Amino acid sequence: MDLIAPKARRKLDPELVAKLETRLAAHLAPCVWLQTERAAPAPPPRSWRERLIGRPPPTDPVLGPLASKLGGRPYAEAGDAFEGHTFLGQLDLTAASEFMPDLALRGLLGFDAIVDAPDGELVRARWYPEPSLERCVEVEALSAVPHEARIDFRAGFVAPSDAQLVSWFPALRRYPDSLVADAVSDGDGDHRLFGPKRRVFDHDDPSEAPFVQLLSLGVDQASGLHFGSNVLYLLVPEDDWRAGDLAHVFARLENG
């Protein structure tokens, strides 16, 4: 895989390109990209009268309870309570683990918005180690997402940003174009499992660290999900991660 953008390879000094390529290769972070697609066709255009009345109700969910998705109907088991929560999405972690070598995730991870949440607690996570249709129960849960969207997984990498590369090689400061080849970090924005941890988390309360950054999710065009200018991060304590226990996943919203 060619790491350097073709234009940068042609214009920059070959010795600098070689150093840049070596540094890039050492700092590529493997990840699983999340790609979303609206599950149901878009509704037909509304008349001006319908637009005045308000937007139509969302289409009925079409994806099954075990599917990876944003919006729709959540997977739930007996005893789950959704009062005060709205459904955001869920991930089949067993399926996702097939796209990243040496990754041994299992189960299904759901995440919900907390209505009238106290400060610092806007999203909760639910982990089901062995989900099944037999244990699945229907619940009264509103979706916080305008359009149900399926999630597909794809293996990939996250490369250091151009700003990071310039900090390593100040001679690049005057180069105006992208340094990294498009094929290296060709995922959908902030939608990914794993990859590099946000630096802002390094300054958090020590009780929250060390941890593994499990998921990042930003604005999603297919479903209409967004958190304003923020990105949703799901994090898991490192000791729990090593033990394969995702029961204590917690969420953070940070400005993207």
C-alpha atoms as a PDB file:
ATOM      1  CA  MET A   1       0.000   0.000   0.000  1.00  0.00           C
ATOM      2  CA  ASP A   2       1.389   3.371  -1.058  1.00  0.00           C
ATOM      3  CA  LEU A   3       1.234   5.671   1.965  1.00  0.00           C
ATOM      4  CA  ILE A   4       2.267   8.980   0.384  1.00  0.00           C
ATOM      5  CA  ALA A   5      -0.068  11.017  -1.807  1.00  0.00           C
ATOM      6  CA  PRO A   6       1.169  10.879  -5.439  1.00  0.00           C
ATOM      7  CA  LYS A   7       1.466  14.665  -5.725  1.00  0.00           C
ATOM      8  CA  ALA A   8       3.516  14.860  -2.517  1.00  0.00           C
ATOM      9  CA  ARG A   9       5.779  12.044  -3.719  1.00  0.00           C
ATOM     10  CA  ARG A  10       6.504  13.966  -6.938  1.00  0.00           C
ATOM     11  CA  LYS A  11       7.093  17.378  -5.366  1.00  0.00           C
ATOM     12  CA  LEU A  12       8.922  16.622  -2.126  1.00  0.00           C
ATOM     13  CA  ASP A  13      12.587  15.779  -1.667  1.00  0.00           C
ATOM     14  CA  PRO A  14      13.031  11.971  -2.025  1.00  0.00           C
ATOM     15  CA  GLU A  15      14.964  11.727   1.237  1.00  0.00           C
ATOM     16  CA  LEU A  16      12.156  13.504   3.098  1.00  0.00           C
ATOM     17  CA  VAL A  17       9.570  11.259   1.422  1.00  0.00           C
ATOM     18  CA  ALA A  18      11.463   8.169   2.597  1.00  0.00           C
ATOM     19  CA  LYS A  19      11.552   9.431   6.201  1.00  0.00           C
ATOM     20  CA  LEU A  20       7.904  10.400   6.031  1.00  0.00           C
ATOM     21  CA  GLU A  21       6.934   6.972   4.703  1.00  0.00           C
ATOM     22  CA  THR A  22       8.842   5.210   7.483  1.00  0.00           C
ATOM     23  CA  ARG A  23       7.193   7.332  10.173  1.00  0.00           C
ATOM     24  CA  LEU A  24       3.737   6.812   8.655  1.00  0.00           C
ATOM     25  CA  ALA A  25       4.162   3.047   8.512  1.00  0.00           C
ATOM     26  CA  ALA A  26       5.117   2.990  12.195  1.00  0.00           C
ATOM     27  CA  HIS A  27       2.068   5.013  13.245  1.00  0.00           C
ATOM     28  CA  LEU A  28      -0.771   3.509  11.210  1.00  0.00           C
ATOM     29  CA  ALA A  29      -3.525   2.491  13.633  1.00  0.00           C
ATOM     30  CA  PRO A  30      -5.678  -0.478  12.544  1.00  0.00           C
ATOM     31  CA  CYS A  31      -9.423   0.027  12.867  1.00  0.00           C
ATOM     32  CA  VAL A  32     -12.781  -1.213  11.623  1.00  0.00           C
ATOM     33  CA  TRP A  33     -14.657   1.399   9.604  1.00  0.00           C
ATOM     34  CA  LEU A  34     -18.434   1.630   9.977  1.00  0.00           C
ATOM     35  CA  GLN A  35     -20.335   2.281   6.755  1.00  0.00           C
ATOM     36  CA  THR A  36     -24.008   3.190   6.991  1.00  0.00           C
ATOM     37  CA  GLU A  37     -26.859   2.949   4.495  1.00  0.00           C
ATOM     38  CA  ARG A  38     -30.488   3.891   5.002  1.00  0.00           C
ATOM     39  CA  ALA A  39     -32.468   0.695   5.530  1.00  0.00           C
ATOM     40  CA  ALA A  40     -35.725   1.812   3.915  1.00  0.00           C
ATOM     41  CA  PRO A  41     -36.276   3.982   0.832  1.00  0.00           C
ATOM     42  CA  ALA A  42     -36.737   7.677   1.473  1.00  0.00           C
ATOM     43  CA  PRO A  43     -40.415   8.670   1.745  1.00  0.00           C
ATOM     44  CA  PRO A  44     -41.943  10.448  -1.265  1.00  0.00           C
ATOM     45  CA  PRO A  45     -41.742  14.248  -1.316  1.00  0.00           C
ATOM     46  CA  ARG A  46     -44.376  15.918   0.841  1.00  0.00           C
ATOM     47  CA  SER A  47     -46.830  18.558  -0.296  1.00  0.00           C
ATOM     48  CA  TRP A  48     -46.574  22.065   1.088  1.00  0.00           C
ATOM     49  CA  ARG A  49     -49.573  21.322   3.343  1.00  0.00           C
ATOM     50  CA  GLU A  50     -47.800  18.294   4.846  1.00  0.00           C
ATOM     51  CA  ARG A  51     -44.641  20.326   5.379  1.00  0.00           C
ATOM     52  CA  LEU A  52     -46.631  22.963   7.262  1.00  0.00           C
ATOM     53  CA  ILE A  53     -48.186  20.352   9.550  1.00  0.00           C
ATOM     54  CA  GLY A  54     -44.841  18.802  10.400  1.00  0.00           C
ATOM     55  CA  ARG A  55     -42.611  15.977   9.375  1.00  0.00           C
ATOM     56  CA  PRO A  56     -44.218  12.550   8.843  1.00  0.00           C
ATOM     57  CA  PRO A  57     -43.662   9.741  11.329  1.00  0.00           C
ATOM     58  CA  PRO A  58     -40.526   7.655  10.643  1.00  0.00           C
ATOM     59  CA  THR A  59     -40.846   4.538   8.524  1.00  0.00           C
ATOM     60  CA  ASP A  60     -41.385   1.230  10.306  1.00  0.00           C
ATOM     61  CA  PRO A  61     -38.174  -0.613  11.265  1.00  0.00           C
ATOM     62  CA  VAL A  62     -37.068  -3.169   8.692  1.00  0.00           C
ATOM     63  CA  LEU A  63     -33.850  -4.562  10.216  1.00  0.00           C
ATOM     64  CA  GLY A  64     -33.860  -7.527  12.576  1.00  0.00           C
ATOM     65  CA  PRO A  65     -33.169  -7.262  16.316  1.00  0.00           C
ATOM     66  CA  LEU A  66     -29.631  -8.672  15.991  1.00  0.00           C
ATOM     67  CA  ALA A  67     -28.541  -6.406  13.132  1.00  0.00           C
ATOM     68  CA  SER A  68     -25.871  -3.717  13.417  1.00  0.00           C
ATOM     69  CA  LYS A  69     -27.756  -0.475  12.904  1.00  0.00           C
ATOM     70  CA  LEU A  70     -28.544   3.086  13.875  1.00  0.00           C
ATOM     71  CA  GLY A  71     -32.155   3.662  14.874  1.00  0.00           C
ATOM     72  CA  GLY A  72     -34.993   1.226  14.394  1.00  0.00           C
ATOM     73  CA  ARG A  73     -35.955  -1.284  17.070  1.00  0.00           C
ATOM     74  CA  PRO A  74     -33.367  -2.280  19.709  1.00  0.00           C
ATOM     75  CA  TYR A  75     -32.328  -5.715  20.821  1.00  0.00           C
ATOM     76  CA  ALA A  76     -33.401  -6.179  24.441  1.00  0.00           C
ATOM     77  CA  GLU A  77     -33.687  -8.957  26.987  1.00  0.00           C
ATOM     78  CA  ALA A  78     -35.977  -9.530  29.947  1.00  0.00           C
ATOM     79  CA  GLY A  79     -35.433  -6.936  32.652  1.00  0.00           C
ATOM     80  CA  ASP A  80     -34.175  -4.181  30.331  1.00  0.00           C
ATOM     81  CA  ALA A  81     -35.792  -0.813  31.045  1.00  0.00           C
ATOM     82  CA  PHE A  82     -36.045   1.947  28.455  1.00  0.00           C
ATOM     83  CA  GLU A  83     -38.002   4.505  30.421  1.00  0.00           C
ATOM     84  CA  GLY A  84     -36.112   7.769  30.185  1.00  0.00           C
ATOM     85  CA  HIS A  85     -34.011   6.511  27.253  1.00  0.00           C
ATOM     86  CA  THR A  86     -34.204   6.653  23.472  1.00  0.00           C
ATOM     87  CA  PHE A  87     -32.483   4.145  21.209  1.00  0.00           C
ATOM     88  CA  LEU A  88     -29.437   5.274  19.214  1.00  0.00           C
ATOM     89  CA  GLY A  89     -27.915   2.112  17.754  1.00  0.00           C
ATOM     90  CA  GLN A  90     -26.237  -1.245  18.252  1.00  0.00           C
ATOM     91  CA  LEU A  91     -23.234  -3.175  16.945  1.00  0.00           C
ATOM     92  CA  ASP A  92     -22.725  -6.884  16.357  1.00  0.00           C
ATOM     93  CA  LEU A  93     -19.231  -7.084  17.820  1.00  0.00           C
ATOM     94  CA  THR A  94     -18.771 -10.716  16.815  1.00  0.00           C
ATOM     95  CA  ALA A  95     -19.235  -9.735  13.162  1.00  0.00           C
ATOM     96  CA  ALA A  96     -16.989  -6.668  13.526  1.00  0.00           C
ATOM     97  CA  SER A  97     -14.139  -8.739  14.973  1.00  0.00           C
ATOM     98  CA  GLU A  98     -13.831 -10.655  11.686  1.00  0.00           C
ATOM     99  CA  PHE A  99     -12.447  -7.495  10.054  1.00  0.00           C
ATOM    100  CA  MET A 100      -9.507  -6.918  12.383  1.00  0.00           C
ATOM    101  CA  PRO A 101      -6.734  -9.457  13.003  1.00  0.00           C
ATOM    102  CA  ASP A 102      -6.235 -10.641  16.592  1.00  0.00           C
ATOM    103  CA  LEU A 103      -9.505  -9.038  17.700  1.00  0.00           C
ATOM    104  CA  ALA A 104     -11.686 -11.284  19.841  1.00  0.00           C
ATOM    105  CA  LEU A 105     -14.854  -9.300  20.514  1.00  0.00           C
ATOM    106  CA  ARG A 106     -18.164 -10.994  21.107  1.00  0.00           C
ATOM    107  CA  GLY A 107     -21.774 -10.170  21.694  1.00  0.00           C
ATOM    108  CA  LEU A 108     -23.894  -7.162  20.856  1.00  0.00           C
ATOM    109  CA  LEU A 109     -23.385  -3.619  22.143  1.00  0.00           C
ATOM    110  CA  GLY A 110     -26.353  -1.248  22.250  1.00  0.00           C
ATOM    111  CA  PHE A 111     -26.259   2.440  23.126  1.00  0.00           C
ATOM    112  CA  ASP A 112     -29.065   4.795  24.101  1.00  0.00           C
ATOM    113  CA  ALA A 113     -29.509   8.503  24.723  1.00  0.00           C
ATOM    114  CA  ILE A 114     -30.486   9.418  28.273  1.00  0.00           C
ATOM    115  CA  VAL A 115     -33.446  11.797  28.333  1.00  0.00           C
ATOM    116  CA  ASP A 116     -32.991  14.732  30.731  1.00  0.00           C
ATOM    117  CA  ALA A 117     -29.539  13.378  31.504  1.00  0.00           C
ATOM    118  CA  PRO A 118     -27.484  14.766  34.376  1.00  0.00           C
ATOM    119  CA  ASP A 119     -24.235  16.505  33.457  1.00  0.00           C
ATOM    120  CA  GLY A 120     -21.654  14.162  31.974  1.00  0.00           C
ATOM    121  CA  GLU A 121     -24.052  11.241  31.504  1.00  0.00           C
ATOM    122  CA  LEU A 122     -25.710  11.608  28.108  1.00  0.00           C
ATOM    123  CA  VAL A 123     -25.456   8.077  26.689  1.00  0.00           C
ATOM    124  CA  ARG A 124     -25.576   4.613  28.251  1.00  0.00           C
ATOM    125  CA  ALA A 125     -24.265   1.348  26.796  1.00  0.00           C
ATOM    126  CA  ARG A 126     -25.769  -2.148  27.046  1.00  0.00           C
ATOM    127  CA  TRP A 127     -23.671  -5.274  26.397  1.00  0.00           C
ATOM    128  CA  TYR A 128     -25.125  -8.706  25.668  1.00  0.00           C
ATOM    129  CA  PRO A 129     -22.386 -11.379  25.639  1.00  0.00           C
ATOM    130  CA  GLU A 130     -24.603 -14.024  23.975  1.00  0.00           C
ATOM    131  CA  PRO A 131     -27.536 -12.364  22.215  1.00  0.00           C
ATOM    132  CA  SER A 132     -30.130 -14.611  20.595  1.00  0.00           C
ATOM    133  CA  LEU A 133     -33.587 -14.434  19.087  1.00  0.00           C
ATOM    134  CA  GLU A 134     -34.778 -16.767  21.844  1.00  0.00           C
ATOM    135  CA  ARG A 135     -33.789 -14.274  24.566  1.00  0.00           C
ATOM    136  CA  CYS A 136     -34.874 -11.202  22.626  1.00  0.00           C
ATOM    137  CA  VAL A 137     -37.971  -9.384  23.914  1.00  0.00           C
ATOM    138  CA  GLU A 138     -39.932  -6.516  22.395  1.00  0.00           C
ATOM    139  CA  VAL A 139     -39.765  -3.283  24.348  1.00  0.00           C
ATOM    140  CA  GLU A 140     -41.425   0.086  24.079  1.00  0.00           C
ATOM    141  CA  ALA A 141     -38.439   2.158  23.032  1.00  0.00           C
ATOM    142  CA  LEU A 142     -38.452   5.347  21.011  1.00  0.00           C
ATOM    143  CA  SER A 143     -35.723   5.839  18.431  1.00  0.00           C
ATOM    144  CA  ALA A 144     -33.611   8.977  18.717  1.00  0.00           C
ATOM    145  CA  VAL A 145     -32.586   8.565  15.060  1.00  0.00           C
ATOM    146  CA  PRO A 146     -34.707   9.968  12.191  1.00  0.00           C
ATOM    147  CA  HIS A 147     -34.003   7.102   9.735  1.00  0.00           C
ATOM    148  CA  GLU A 148     -33.050   3.511  10.421  1.00  0.00           C
ATOM    149  CA  ALA A 149     -29.668   2.692   8.823  1.00  0.00           C
ATOM    150  CA  ARG A 150     -27.779  -0.583   8.528  1.00  0.00           C
ATOM    151  CA  ILE A 151     -24.124  -0.706   9.509  1.00  0.00           C
ATOM    152  CA  ASP A 152     -21.533  -2.648   7.519  1.00  0.00           C
ATOM    153  CA  PHE A 153     -17.929  -3.194   8.603  1.00  0.00           C
ATOM    154  CA  ARG A 154     -14.672  -2.822   6.693  1.00  0.00           C
ATOM    155  CA  ALA A 155     -11.075  -3.266   7.795  1.00  0.00           C
ATOM    156  CA  GLY A 156      -8.813  -0.241   7.501  1.00  0.00           C
ATOM    157  CA  PHE A 157      -6.323   2.104   9.095  1.00  0.00           C
ATOM    158  CA  VAL A 158      -6.183   5.591  10.529  1.00  0.00           C
ATOM    159  CA  ALA A 159      -3.083   7.576   9.559  1.00  0.00           C
ATOM    160  CA  PRO A 160      -1.597  10.485  11.524  1.00  0.00           C
ATOM    161  CA  SER A 161      -3.033  13.833  10.490  1.00  0.00           C
ATOM    162  CA  ASP A 162      -1.113  16.241   8.273  1.00  0.00           C
ATOM    163  CA  ALA A 163      -0.733  18.494  11.329  1.00  0.00           C
ATOM    164  CA  GLN A 164       0.928  15.666  13.240  1.00  0.00           C
ATOM    165  CA  LEU A 165       3.262  14.950  10.315  1.00  0.00           C
ATOM    166  CA  VAL A 166       4.257  18.612  10.111  1.00  0.00           C
ATOM    167  CA  SER A 167       5.085  18.577  13.837  1.00  0.00           C
ATOM    168  CA  TRP A 168       7.465  15.664  13.166  1.00  0.00           C
ATOM    169  CA  PHE A 169       8.930  17.198   9.989  1.00  0.00           C
ATOM    170  CA  PRO A 170       8.793  21.029  10.127  1.00  0.00           C
ATOM    171  CA  ALA A 171      10.110  21.210   6.556  1.00  0.00           C
ATOM    172  CA  LEU A 172       6.617  20.137   5.451  1.00  0.00           C
ATOM    173  CA  ARG A 173       5.053  23.294   6.882  1.00  0.00           C
ATOM    174  CA  ARG A 174       5.100  25.091   3.527  1.00  0.00           C
ATOM    175  CA  TYR A 175       3.621  22.163   1.573  1.00  0.00           C
ATOM    176  CA  PRO A 176      -0.048  23.086   0.876  1.00  0.00           C
ATOM    177  CA  ASP A 177      -1.544  19.756  -0.204  1.00  0.00           C
ATOM    178  CA  SER A 178      -2.431  16.477   1.495  1.00  0.00           C
ATOM    179  CA  LEU A 179       0.511  14.287   2.419  1.00  0.00           C
ATOM    180  CA  VAL A 180      -1.221  10.947   2.980  1.00  0.00           C
ATOM    181  CA  ALA A 181      -2.633   8.825   0.159  1.00  0.00           C
ATOM    182  CA  ASP A 182      -6.440   8.732   0.070  1.00  0.00           C
ATOM    183  CA  ALA A 183      -6.491   4.932   0.255  1.00  0.00           C
ATOM    184  CA  VAL A 184      -4.797   4.887   3.670  1.00  0.00           C
ATOM    185  CA  SER A 185      -7.507   6.580   5.750  1.00  0.00           C
ATOM    186  CA  ASP A 186     -10.504   6.137   3.473  1.00  0.00           C
ATOM    187  CA  GLY A 187     -13.177   5.555   6.099  1.00  0.00           C
ATOM    188  CA  ASP A 188     -16.360   7.471   6.819  1.00  0.00           C
ATOM    189  CA  GLY A 189     -15.186  10.352   8.984  1.00  0.00           C
ATOM    190  CA  ASP A 190     -15.486   9.529  12.676  1.00  0.00           C
ATOM    191  CA  HIS A 191     -17.339   6.218  12.259  1.00  0.00           C
ATOM    192  CA  ARG A 192     -14.962   3.526  13.454  1.00  0.00           C
ATOM    193  CA  LEU A 193     -14.095   0.912  15.997  1.00  0.00           C
ATOM    194  CA  PHE A 194     -10.637   1.414  17.529  1.00  0.00           C
ATOM    195  CA  GLY A 195      -7.933   3.475  15.867  1.00  0.00           C
ATOM    196  CA  PRO A 196      -5.951   6.171  17.731  1.00  0.00           C
ATOM    197  CA  LYS A 197      -7.256   7.440  21.056  1.00  0.00           C
ATOM    198  CA  ARG A 198      -8.306  11.071  21.271  1.00  0.00           C
ATOM    199  CA  ARG A 199      -5.538  13.088  22.949  1.00  0.00           C
ATOM    200  CA  VAL A 200      -8.092  15.032  24.985  1.00  0.00           C
ATOM    201  CA  PHE A 201      -8.806  11.892  27.004  1.00  0.00           C
ATOM    202  CA  ASP A 202      -5.229  11.793  28.268  1.00  0.00           C
ATOM    203  CA  HIS A 203      -6.098  14.725  30.563  1.00  0.00           C
ATOM    204  CA  ASP A 204      -9.173  13.128  32.120  1.00  0.00           C
ATOM    205  CA  ASP A 205      -9.618  12.041  35.703  1.00  0.00           C
ATOM    206  CA  PRO A 206      -7.053   9.293  36.412  1.00  0.00           C
ATOM    207  CA  SER A 207      -9.897   7.070  37.632  1.00  0.00           C
ATOM    208  CA  GLU A 208     -11.072   6.813  34.010  1.00  0.00           C
ATOM    209  CA  ALA A 209      -7.701   5.759  32.638  1.00  0.00           C
ATOM    210  CA  PRO A 210      -6.226   3.682  31.230  1.00  0.00           C
ATOM    211  CA  PHE A 211      -8.976   2.653  28.863  1.00  0.00           C
ATOM    212  CA  VAL A 212      -9.566   1.468  25.315  1.00  0.00           C
ATOM    213  CA  GLN A 213     -11.404   3.687  22.855  1.00  0.00           C
ATOM    214  CA  LEU A 214     -13.940   1.234  21.471  1.00  0.00           C
ATOM    215  CA  LEU A 215     -16.140   3.365  19.200  1.00  0.00           C
ATOM    216  CA  SER A 216     -16.223   6.842  17.716  1.00  0.00           C
ATOM    217  CA  LEU A 217     -19.342   8.049  15.928  1.00  0.00           C
ATOM    218  CA  GLY A 218     -19.910  11.475  14.405  1.00  0.00           C
ATOM    219  CA  VAL A 219     -22.500  12.976  12.070  1.00  0.00           C
ATOM    220  CA  ASP A 220     -24.233  10.270  10.046  1.00  0.00           C
ATOM    221  CA  GLN A 221     -25.854  11.331   6.786  1.00  0.00           C
ATOM    222  CA  ALA A 222     -27.717   8.071   6.118  1.00  0.00           C
ATOM    223  CA  SER A 223     -29.642   8.024   9.400  1.00  0.00           C
ATOM    224  CA  GLY A 224     -29.675  11.716  10.246  1.00  0.00           C
ATOM    225  CA  LEU A 225     -28.006  11.020  13.596  1.00  0.00           C
ATOM    226  CA  HIS A 226     -25.792  13.768  14.950  1.00  0.00           C
ATOM    227  CA  PHE A 227     -24.595  15.202  18.241  1.00  0.00           C
ATOM    228  CA  GLY A 228     -24.248  18.780  17.092  1.00  0.00           C
ATOM    229  CA  SER A 229     -20.540  19.450  16.596  1.00  0.00           C
ATOM    230  CA  ASN A 230     -19.635  16.583  18.948  1.00  0.00           C
ATOM    231  CA  VAL A 231     -18.412  13.043  18.402  1.00  0.00           C
ATOM    232  CA  LEU A 232     -19.688  10.140  20.528  1.00  0.00           C
ATOM    233  CA  TYR A 233     -16.971   7.945  22.042  1.00  0.00           C
ATOM    234  CA  LEU A 234     -17.587   4.627  23.782  1.00  0.00           C
ATOM    235  CA  LEU A 235     -14.742   3.682  26.119  1.00  0.00           C
ATOM    236  CA  VAL A 236     -13.962   0.586  28.168  1.00  0.00           C
ATOM    237  CA  PRO A 237     -11.544   0.279  31.122  1.00  0.00           C
ATOM    238  CA  GLU A 238      -8.378  -1.458  30.002  1.00  0.00           C
ATOM    239  CA  ASP A 239      -8.530  -4.184  32.672  1.00  0.00           C
ATOM    240  CA  ASP A 240     -12.082  -5.059  31.602  1.00  0.00           C
ATOM    241  CA  TRP A 241     -10.952  -5.049  27.980  1.00  0.00           C
ATOM    242  CA  ARG A 242      -8.213  -7.580  28.680  1.00  0.00           C
ATOM    243  CA  ALA A 243     -10.755  -9.786  30.466  1.00  0.00           C
ATOM    244  CA  GLY A 244     -13.196  -9.591  27.541  1.00  0.00           C
ATOM    245  CA  ASP A 245     -15.789  -7.832  29.730  1.00  0.00           C
ATOM    246  CA  LEU A 246     -17.692  -4.929  28.151  1.00  0.00           C
ATOM    247  CA  ALA A 247     -20.247  -4.565  30.937  1.00  0.00           C
ATOM    248  CA  HIS A 248     -18.719  -1.246  32.062  1.00  0.00           C
ATOM    249  CA  VAL A 249     -18.491   0.598  28.748  1.00  0.00           C
ATOM    250  CA  PHE A 250     -19.069   4.320  29.269  1.00  0.00           C
ATOM    251  CA  ALA A 251     -19.695   7.189  26.880  1.00  0.00           C
ATOM    252  CA  ARG A 252     -18.185  10.614  26.277  1.00  0.00           C
ATOM    253  CA  LEU A 253     -19.181  13.403  23.918  1.00  0.00           C
ATOM    254  CA  GLU A 254     -16.304  15.561  22.746  1.00  0.00           C
ATOM    255  CA  ASN A 255     -16.190  18.375  20.233  1.00  0.00           C
ATOM    256  CA  GLY A 256     -15.085  16.984  16.887  1.00  0.00           C
END
